[in-house]
Amino acid sequence: MAAQPTPKGAWKITFLLFLFMLVNFADKIVVGLAGVPIMTELKLDPERFGLLGSSFFFLFSVSAIAVGFVVNRIETRWVLLMLALIWALAQFPMLGTVSVSTILVCRVVLGAGEGPASSVAAHAIFKWFPDEKRTLPIAILSQGSAFGVILAVPALNWLIVNHSWHYAFGALGIAGLMWAVAWLILGKEGPLVQTAAMAAGERRIPYFQLLTSRTFVGCVTSTFGAYWALSLGLTWFTPFIVNGLGFAQQEAGFISILPWVFGAVIVLLTGWISQVMLARGFTTRGARGVLGAAPLIAGGAIIAVLPHVAPGGLMIALLVVGSGLCGSIYVVCAPMISEFTPVSQRGAVISIYGALYTLAGILAPAVMGSVIQHSDSLLDGYMIGFTINAGIMVVSGLLGLTLLWPNTERARLMSRETIQPKFA
């Protein structure tokens, strides 16, 4: 298919969706940022706080899959608006006196609203950019997560230190409502939906074939390892800085930004390098698959060194670099999946991908909390937890290198005798 031009307004929508992801990740990190005050006020031990961190992901995957099929039939602009409203409304109950049950319910509802966010936003982006131009806008979309932390953490931490952690949740509710109003006024549906499908003479492929393809499996397994690290960062990084290394809450707030700053650089570099490689004739196996999976192995190896250095600045540096390298895989997997998934099925398949790899969000915080609770010392517990993280990252990166072959996947799937007629 001949290359399509980028429609007018594509970058405006990209910026709005960047802000969408900014609010999304600010919502995610607030519990970890306020972890020590929450544990103190509600008298939570590490195991119970780990469960609280995991609760955000209880309905995350279920809602991601359900909404993934919805966006095959309903315009993404309306789905995105509803998700943002759910996020905002789930924050306001935190403003008053709350129990553990109140926080738990609100985090489960918030997770249900945020589960489909990344996949739906990527699906929306793909309606504005042809395949060969998608990596950079997806990288910018991913930057919303980094900037959601970089920009929100100082402001939220100021509220936590000078007022109360309750106000931090209220501020996020207001931010969600502001984005919803902006999107209602400016948001539009991309024009490349049917033109791309018609130009390709698209036919449906059975979901079983798509979901068991080696590249889809490779995307799930490799991103699972990256999301394990990200989930630990969201829930446990600030408590580790405060309780494990002895920094004050105010200092920890600024330190908590560092992994996201480094990760933002990695994400942008990955998006730029990938598009340069594609322009110079590299296959998507190299320009997306290898480029996304190899940093996971390097990051895991770096984090594995953590227990062998003295507590302090070097530990923080290793965590920052090791976890930041995970960012590459988020940039490349959605474009790889879109290479071989028919447009009419893409929303569901990308959402199922997101639902599966984010299962790490249920496991990682709870595992870390349990390990800390049953270790001889607090610091020993953190070191064991980060070592588990390192091993998962290395294994997931190796699986990615083995399985990610998007350039051959579409031809292989389209050659199957089980292909269904387009309107089956």
Protein backbone atom coordinates (compact mmCIF):
# COMPACT_ATOMS: atom_id res chain seq x y z
CA MET A 1 0.00 0.00 0.00
CA ALA A 2 1.32 3.44 -0.90
CA ALA A 3 2.33 5.71 1.96
CA GLN A 4 -0.47 7.98 3.14
CA PRO A 5 0.02 11.62 4.13
CA THR A 6 -0.43 12.65 7.74
CA PRO A 7 -3.85 14.33 8.09
CA LYS A 8 -4.11 17.92 9.27
CA GLY A 9 -4.63 18.13 13.03
CA ALA A 10 -2.78 14.90 13.81
CA TRP A 11 -0.21 16.56 16.05
CA LYS A 12 -2.87 18.52 17.96
CA ILE A 13 -4.59 15.25 18.80
CA THR A 14 -1.23 13.72 19.73
CA PHE A 15 -0.63 16.57 22.19
CA LEU A 16 -4.08 16.15 23.76
CA LEU A 17 -3.48 12.42 24.15
CA PHE A 18 -0.05 13.18 25.61
CA LEU A 19 -1.87 15.22 28.28
CA PHE A 20 -4.33 12.33 28.69
CA MET A 21 -1.48 9.98 29.55
CA LEU A 22 0.08 12.65 31.78
CA VAL A 23 -3.03 12.68 33.98
CA ASN A 24 -3.20 8.89 33.75
CA PHE A 25 0.22 8.35 35.28
CA ALA A 26 -0.12 11.11 37.85
CA ASP A 27 -3.17 9.17 39.06
CA LYS A 28 -1.14 5.98 39.19
CA ILE A 29 1.82 7.29 41.19
CA VAL A 30 0.01 9.21 43.92
CA VAL A 31 -0.43 6.19 46.22
CA GLY A 32 3.27 5.35 46.04
CA LEU A 33 4.26 8.98 46.53
CA ALA A 34 2.02 9.26 49.60
CA GLY A 35 2.87 5.73 50.71
CA VAL A 36 4.58 6.57 54.00
CA PRO A 37 1.89 9.05 55.19
CA ILE A 38 -0.85 6.62 54.16
CA MET A 39 0.81 3.71 55.99
CA THR A 40 1.29 5.90 59.06
CA GLU A 41 -2.26 7.30 59.17
CA LEU A 42 -3.99 4.00 58.46
CA LYS A 43 -1.46 1.84 60.38
CA LEU A 44 -0.67 -0.40 57.41
CA ASP A 45 2.15 -2.94 57.40
CA PRO A 46 4.15 -3.53 54.16
CA GLU A 47 2.06 -6.53 53.14
CA ARG A 48 -1.24 -4.64 53.42
CA PHE A 49 0.20 -1.62 51.64
CA GLY A 50 1.42 -3.93 48.86
CA LEU A 51 -2.14 -5.24 48.53
CA LEU A 52 -3.38 -1.66 48.32
CA GLY A 53 -0.93 -0.99 45.51
CA SER A 54 -2.06 -4.10 43.69
CA SER A 55 -5.76 -3.26 44.07
CA PHE A 56 -5.45 -0.64 41.33
CA PHE A 57 -4.94 -3.53 38.87
CA PHE A 58 -7.74 -5.85 40.05
CA LEU A 59 -10.12 -4.80 37.22
CA PHE A 60 -7.45 -3.16 35.06
CA SER A 61 -7.09 -6.06 32.63
CA VAL A 62 -10.77 -6.99 32.53
CA SER A 63 -11.82 -3.46 31.62
CA ALA A 64 -9.01 -3.18 29.07
CA ILE A 65 -10.31 -6.22 27.17
CA ALA A 66 -13.97 -5.18 27.39
CA VAL A 67 -13.32 -1.63 26.20
CA GLY A 68 -10.98 -2.95 23.51
CA PHE A 69 -13.90 -4.61 21.79
CA VAL A 70 -16.07 -1.54 22.35
CA VAL A 71 -13.66 0.73 20.43
CA ASN A 72 -13.95 -1.53 17.41
CA ARG A 73 -17.50 -0.17 17.11
CA ILE A 74 -17.63 3.15 18.99
CA GLU A 75 -15.51 6.20 18.19
CA THR A 76 -12.46 6.50 20.43
CA ARG A 77 -13.18 10.18 21.18
CA TRP A 78 -16.24 9.25 23.25
CA VAL A 79 -14.54 6.32 24.97
CA LEU A 80 -11.60 8.51 25.98
CA LEU A 81 -13.96 11.12 27.39
CA MET A 82 -15.78 8.55 29.56
CA LEU A 83 -12.50 7.13 30.85
CA ALA A 84 -11.27 10.58 31.93
CA LEU A 85 -14.53 11.27 33.78
CA ILE A 86 -14.25 7.97 35.67
CA TRP A 87 -10.69 8.86 36.74
CA ALA A 88 -11.75 12.26 38.03
CA LEU A 89 -14.77 11.04 39.98
CA ALA A 90 -12.80 8.21 41.61
CA GLN A 91 -10.42 10.71 43.25
CA PHE A 92 -12.85 12.97 45.11
CA PRO A 93 -13.91 10.51 47.88
CA MET A 94 -10.30 10.67 49.14
CA LEU A 95 -10.72 14.30 50.24
CA GLY A 96 -12.46 13.40 53.49
CA THR A 97 -11.63 11.02 56.31
CA VAL A 98 -11.20 7.61 54.69
CA SER A 99 -10.77 4.00 55.69
CA VAL A 100 -8.64 1.37 53.99
CA SER A 101 -11.82 0.06 52.36
CA THR A 102 -12.60 3.46 50.84
CA ILE A 103 -9.14 3.75 49.31
CA LEU A 104 -9.33 0.17 48.10
CA VAL A 105 -12.67 0.67 46.34
CA CYS A 106 -11.60 3.98 44.78
CA ARG A 107 -8.34 2.48 43.50
CA VAL A 108 -10.18 -0.51 42.00
CA VAL A 109 -12.63 1.84 40.22
CA LEU A 110 -9.77 4.06 39.07
CA GLY A 111 -7.91 1.03 37.74
CA ALA A 112 -11.00 -0.09 35.83
CA GLY A 113 -11.12 3.35 34.22
CA GLU A 114 -7.42 3.48 33.46
CA GLY A 115 -6.99 -0.10 32.25
CA PRO A 116 -8.00 0.65 28.64
CA ALA A 117 -6.34 4.09 28.54
CA SER A 118 -3.01 3.35 26.90
CA SER A 119 -4.44 0.94 24.33
CA VAL A 120 -7.36 3.17 23.37
CA ALA A 121 -5.05 6.18 23.07
CA ALA A 122 -2.69 4.20 20.81
CA HIS A 123 -5.64 3.04 18.70
CA ALA A 124 -6.75 6.67 18.40
CA ILE A 125 -3.23 7.75 17.35
CA PHE A 126 -3.14 5.08 14.64
CA LYS A 127 -6.20 6.71 13.06
CA TRP A 128 -4.11 9.84 12.47
CA PHE A 129 -0.77 8.40 11.26
CA PRO A 130 0.08 5.80 8.58
CA ASP A 131 2.17 2.81 9.68
CA GLU A 132 5.61 4.12 8.73
CA LYS A 133 5.03 7.32 10.76
CA ARG A 134 3.60 5.83 13.95
CA THR A 135 6.65 5.17 16.12
CA LEU A 136 7.43 8.81 16.95
CA PRO A 137 3.86 9.81 17.91
CA ILE A 138 3.61 6.66 20.04
CA ALA A 139 6.89 7.69 21.70
CA ILE A 140 5.39 11.12 22.40
CA LEU A 141 2.25 9.45 23.77
CA SER A 142 4.46 7.37 26.05
CA GLN A 143 6.12 10.56 27.24
CA GLY A 144 2.82 11.46 28.87
CA SER A 145 3.56 8.79 31.46
CA ALA A 146 7.00 10.21 32.20
CA PHE A 147 5.84 13.82 32.32
CA GLY A 148 2.84 12.78 34.39
CA VAL A 149 5.39 11.89 37.05
CA ILE A 150 8.00 14.59 36.36
CA LEU A 151 5.49 17.45 36.48
CA ALA A 152 2.98 16.07 38.97
CA VAL A 153 5.33 14.69 41.65
CA PRO A 154 6.71 18.06 42.86
CA ALA A 155 3.22 19.58 43.00
CA LEU A 156 1.62 16.53 44.64
CA ASN A 157 4.50 16.11 47.07
CA TRP A 158 4.19 19.79 48.05
CA LEU A 159 0.53 19.18 48.89
CA ILE A 160 1.42 16.04 50.85
CA VAL A 161 4.19 17.75 52.86
CA ASN A 162 2.46 21.09 53.49
CA HIS A 163 -1.18 20.07 53.69
CA SER A 164 -2.27 16.44 53.47
CA TRP A 165 -2.09 13.48 51.15
CA HIS A 166 -5.88 13.80 50.81
CA TYR A 167 -5.47 17.07 48.88
CA ALA A 168 -3.20 15.39 46.36
CA PHE A 169 -6.04 13.09 45.31
CA GLY A 170 -8.45 16.02 45.03
CA ALA A 171 -6.04 17.93 42.80
CA LEU A 172 -5.86 14.95 40.45
CA GLY A 173 -9.65 14.81 40.28
CA ILE A 174 -9.73 18.45 39.17
CA ALA A 175 -7.01 17.80 36.56
CA GLY A 176 -9.04 14.92 35.12
CA LEU A 177 -12.13 17.11 34.78
CA MET A 178 -10.11 19.85 33.07
CA TRP A 179 -8.77 17.38 30.48
CA ALA A 180 -12.28 16.02 29.84
CA VAL A 181 -13.55 19.54 29.07
CA ALA A 182 -10.62 20.23 26.71
CA TRP A 183 -11.16 16.93 24.90
CA LEU A 184 -14.89 17.50 24.57
CA ILE A 185 -14.14 20.79 22.79
CA LEU A 186 -11.06 19.84 20.73
CA GLY A 187 -11.00 16.05 20.41
CA LYS A 188 -11.76 14.46 17.04
CA GLU A 189 -11.75 11.00 15.47
CA GLY A 190 -8.92 10.26 13.05
CA PRO A 191 -9.77 9.96 9.33
CA LEU A 192 -7.57 6.93 8.51
CA VAL A 193 -9.97 4.32 9.85
CA GLN A 194 -11.77 3.11 6.77
CA THR A 195 -9.33 4.39 4.16
CA ALA A 196 -6.57 2.18 5.53
CA ALA A 197 -8.83 -0.86 5.67
CA MET A 198 -10.24 -0.34 2.19
CA ALA A 199 -6.82 0.32 0.61
CA ALA A 200 -5.50 -2.94 2.03
CA GLY A 201 -8.53 -4.93 0.89
CA GLU A 202 -8.70 -6.02 4.48
CA ARG A 203 -10.03 -9.36 5.61
CA ARG A 204 -10.54 -10.58 9.16
CA ILE A 205 -8.15 -12.99 10.84
CA PRO A 206 -9.45 -15.21 13.66
CA TYR A 207 -8.58 -13.75 17.05
CA PHE A 208 -7.04 -17.06 18.12
CA GLN A 209 -4.49 -16.78 15.32
CA LEU A 210 -3.67 -13.17 16.17
CA LEU A 211 -3.35 -13.78 19.91
CA THR A 212 -1.16 -16.88 19.54
CA SER A 213 1.15 -15.36 16.93
CA ARG A 214 4.76 -15.30 18.10
CA THR A 215 5.07 -11.52 17.84
CA PHE A 216 1.95 -10.96 19.95
CA VAL A 217 3.22 -13.44 22.55
CA GLY A 218 6.63 -11.76 22.41
CA CYS A 219 5.09 -8.34 22.98
CA VAL A 220 3.12 -9.59 26.00
CA THR A 221 6.04 -11.39 27.64
CA SER A 222 8.59 -8.64 27.07
CA THR A 223 6.28 -5.81 28.20
CA PHE A 224 5.27 -7.89 31.25
CA GLY A 225 8.84 -7.61 32.52
CA ALA A 226 8.94 -3.88 31.86
CA TYR A 227 5.61 -3.36 33.63
CA TRP A 228 6.79 -5.33 36.65
CA ALA A 229 9.52 -2.73 37.08
CA LEU A 230 7.12 0.14 36.42
CA SER A 231 4.59 -1.17 38.98
CA LEU A 232 7.29 -1.38 41.63
CA GLY A 233 8.28 2.18 40.79
CA LEU A 234 4.71 3.42 41.12
CA THR A 235 4.09 1.78 44.50
CA TRP A 236 7.42 1.14 46.23
CA PHE A 237 10.09 3.53 44.92
CA THR A 238 9.25 6.45 47.24
CA PRO A 239 8.77 4.25 50.35
CA PHE A 240 12.15 2.64 49.54
CA ILE A 241 13.79 6.07 49.40
CA VAL A 242 12.18 7.13 52.71
CA ASN A 243 12.12 3.94 54.79
CA GLY A 244 14.89 1.97 53.11
CA LEU A 245 17.49 4.68 52.55
CA GLY A 246 16.45 7.22 55.17
CA PHE A 247 15.62 10.27 53.04
CA ALA A 248 12.96 12.78 54.11
CA GLN A 249 9.60 12.82 52.30
CA GLN A 250 10.40 16.16 50.64
CA GLU A 251 13.75 14.89 49.32
CA ALA A 252 12.20 11.60 48.22
CA GLY A 253 9.66 13.48 46.12
CA PHE A 254 12.41 14.98 43.96
CA ILE A 255 14.41 11.73 43.83
CA SER A 256 11.27 9.89 42.66
CA ILE A 257 11.31 11.97 39.47
CA LEU A 258 14.72 10.71 38.33
CA PRO A 259 13.72 7.31 36.83
CA TRP A 260 11.02 9.05 34.79
CA VAL A 261 13.38 11.72 33.50
CA PHE A 262 15.83 9.07 32.32
CA GLY A 263 12.99 6.94 30.98
CA ALA A 264 11.64 9.90 29.01
CA VAL A 265 15.00 10.28 27.26
CA ILE A 266 15.05 6.55 26.46
CA VAL A 267 11.52 6.62 25.04
CA LEU A 268 12.18 9.60 22.77
CA LEU A 269 15.49 8.15 21.59
CA THR A 270 13.81 4.83 20.83
CA GLY A 271 11.07 6.49 18.79
CA TRP A 272 13.55 8.60 16.84
CA ILE A 273 16.08 5.79 16.26
CA SER A 274 13.33 3.40 15.17
CA GLN A 275 12.01 5.78 12.52
CA VAL A 276 15.52 6.54 11.29
CA MET A 277 16.24 2.81 10.97
CA LEU A 278 13.00 2.23 9.07
CA ALA A 279 13.78 5.12 6.73
CA ARG A 280 17.18 3.56 6.02
CA GLY A 281 15.71 0.20 5.07
CA PHE A 282 15.93 -1.84 8.29
CA THR A 283 13.18 -4.39 8.81
CA THR A 284 10.78 -3.88 11.70
CA ARG A 285 12.38 -6.94 13.29
CA GLY A 286 15.48 -4.83 13.93
CA ALA A 287 14.00 -1.33 14.07
CA ARG A 288 11.26 -2.34 16.51
CA GLY A 289 11.76 -5.86 17.89
CA VAL A 290 15.46 -5.89 18.75
CA LEU A 291 15.49 -2.19 19.60
CA GLY A 292 12.73 -2.72 22.17
CA ALA A 293 13.81 -6.01 23.75
CA ALA A 294 17.59 -5.59 24.14
CA PRO A 295 17.37 -2.69 26.67
CA LEU A 296 15.26 -4.92 28.96
CA ILE A 297 18.15 -7.34 29.29
CA ALA A 298 20.61 -4.52 29.97
CA GLY A 299 18.26 -2.93 32.52
CA GLY A 300 17.75 -6.20 34.38
CA ALA A 301 21.50 -6.80 34.54
CA ILE A 302 22.01 -3.32 36.02
CA ILE A 303 19.33 -3.77 38.70
CA ALA A 304 20.84 -7.17 39.60
CA VAL A 305 23.93 -5.31 40.86
CA LEU A 306 21.84 -3.42 43.45
CA PRO A 307 22.36 -5.77 46.47
CA HIS A 308 26.13 -5.65 45.96
CA VAL A 309 26.63 -1.90 46.49
CA ALA A 310 26.42 0.27 49.60
CA PRO A 311 23.06 1.92 50.40
CA GLY A 312 22.87 5.45 49.07
CA GLY A 313 23.34 7.35 45.84
CA LEU A 314 24.76 4.46 43.80
CA MET A 315 21.71 2.33 44.58
CA ILE A 316 19.45 5.12 43.37
CA ALA A 317 21.53 5.54 40.19
CA LEU A 318 21.32 1.82 39.38
CA LEU A 319 17.55 1.82 39.90
CA VAL A 320 17.14 4.93 37.77
CA VAL A 321 19.12 3.57 34.82
CA GLY A 322 17.95 -0.03 35.06
CA SER A 323 14.25 0.76 35.29
CA GLY A 324 14.48 3.63 32.79
CA LEU A 325 15.75 1.31 30.06
CA CYS A 326 12.40 -0.51 30.16
CA GLY A 327 10.81 2.39 28.31
CA SER A 328 11.93 1.20 24.87
CA ILE A 329 9.52 -1.72 24.73
CA TYR A 330 6.43 0.46 25.21
CA VAL A 331 7.30 2.48 22.12
CA VAL A 332 7.59 -0.42 19.69
CA CYS A 333 5.04 -3.07 20.67
CA ALA A 334 1.78 -1.35 19.67
CA PRO A 335 3.18 -0.47 16.20
CA MET A 336 4.42 -4.06 15.80
CA ILE A 337 0.99 -5.46 16.63
CA SER A 338 -0.65 -3.01 14.23
CA GLU A 339 1.58 -4.31 11.41
CA PHE A 340 -0.27 -7.62 11.22
CA THR A 341 -3.65 -6.88 12.84
CA PRO A 342 -6.54 -5.84 10.57
CA VAL A 343 -7.75 -2.31 11.34
CA SER A 344 -11.24 -3.54 12.25
CA GLN A 345 -9.74 -5.79 14.95
CA ARG A 346 -6.85 -3.61 16.08
CA GLY A 347 -8.55 -1.91 19.04
CA ALA A 348 -9.41 -5.23 20.65
CA VAL A 349 -6.04 -6.88 20.00
CA ILE A 350 -4.01 -3.95 21.36
CA SER A 351 -6.29 -3.82 24.41
CA ILE A 352 -5.90 -7.55 25.06
CA TYR A 353 -2.14 -7.07 24.79
CA GLY A 354 -2.37 -4.29 27.39
CA ALA A 355 -4.62 -6.36 29.62
CA LEU A 356 -2.19 -9.28 29.67
CA TYR A 357 1.07 -7.45 30.32
CA THR A 358 -0.45 -5.25 33.02
CA LEU A 359 -1.18 -8.37 35.08
CA ALA A 360 2.31 -7.65 36.36
CA GLY A 361 0.73 -4.70 38.16
CA ILE A 362 -1.29 -7.06 40.36
CA LEU A 363 1.69 -9.25 41.19
CA ALA A 364 4.66 -6.90 41.56
CA PRO A 365 3.51 -4.61 44.43
CA ALA A 366 2.05 -7.54 46.40
CA VAL A 367 5.16 -9.68 45.94
CA MET A 368 7.41 -6.84 47.08
CA GLY A 369 5.21 -6.18 50.13
CA SER A 370 5.20 -9.86 51.09
CA VAL A 371 8.97 -10.16 50.63
CA ILE A 372 9.60 -7.07 52.80
CA GLN A 373 7.18 -8.30 55.47
CA HIS A 374 8.94 -11.68 55.81
CA SER A 375 12.59 -10.58 55.49
CA ASP A 376 15.08 -10.22 58.31
CA SER A 377 15.35 -6.48 57.72
CA LEU A 378 13.58 -3.81 55.71
CA LEU A 379 16.55 -3.22 53.41
CA ASP A 380 17.07 -6.95 52.84
CA GLY A 381 13.44 -7.22 51.79
CA TYR A 382 13.81 -4.45 49.24
CA MET A 383 16.97 -6.03 47.83
CA ILE A 384 15.32 -9.42 47.39
CA GLY A 385 12.34 -7.77 45.72
CA PHE A 386 14.53 -5.83 43.30
CA THR A 387 16.53 -8.97 42.51
CA ILE A 388 13.30 -10.75 41.54
CA ASN A 389 12.51 -7.75 39.35
CA ALA A 390 15.92 -8.00 37.66
CA GLY A 391 15.46 -11.68 36.83
CA ILE A 392 12.00 -11.09 35.35
CA MET A 393 13.34 -8.25 33.18
CA VAL A 394 16.20 -10.34 31.77
CA VAL A 395 13.96 -13.33 30.98
CA SER A 396 11.31 -11.13 29.36
CA GLY A 397 13.94 -9.37 27.24
CA LEU A 398 15.35 -12.70 26.03
CA LEU A 399 11.85 -13.89 25.12
CA GLY A 400 11.33 -10.65 23.20
CA LEU A 401 14.52 -11.13 21.21
CA THR A 402 13.41 -14.65 20.35
CA LEU A 403 9.79 -13.98 19.42
CA LEU A 404 9.51 -10.48 17.93
CA TRP A 405 9.38 -10.86 14.11
CA PRO A 406 6.64 -8.43 13.01
CA ASN A 407 7.92 -8.04 9.44
CA THR A 408 7.04 -11.66 8.62
CA GLU A 409 3.94 -12.00 10.80
CA ARG A 410 1.29 -10.48 8.53
CA ALA A 411 2.29 -12.53 5.49
CA ARG A 412 2.25 -15.69 7.59
CA LEU A 413 -1.15 -14.94 9.12
CA MET A 414 -2.70 -13.89 5.82
CA SER A 415 -1.58 -17.14 4.24
CA ARG A 416 -3.55 -19.23 6.74
CA GLU A 417 -6.51 -21.10 5.28
CA THR A 418 -8.55 -20.05 8.32
CA ILE A 419 -8.84 -16.41 7.27
CA GLN A 420 -12.42 -15.27 7.56
CA PRO A 421 -14.29 -13.12 5.03
CA LYS A 422 -14.26 -9.45 5.97
CA PHE A 423 -17.87 -9.40 7.10
CA ALA A 424 -17.89 -12.77 8.82
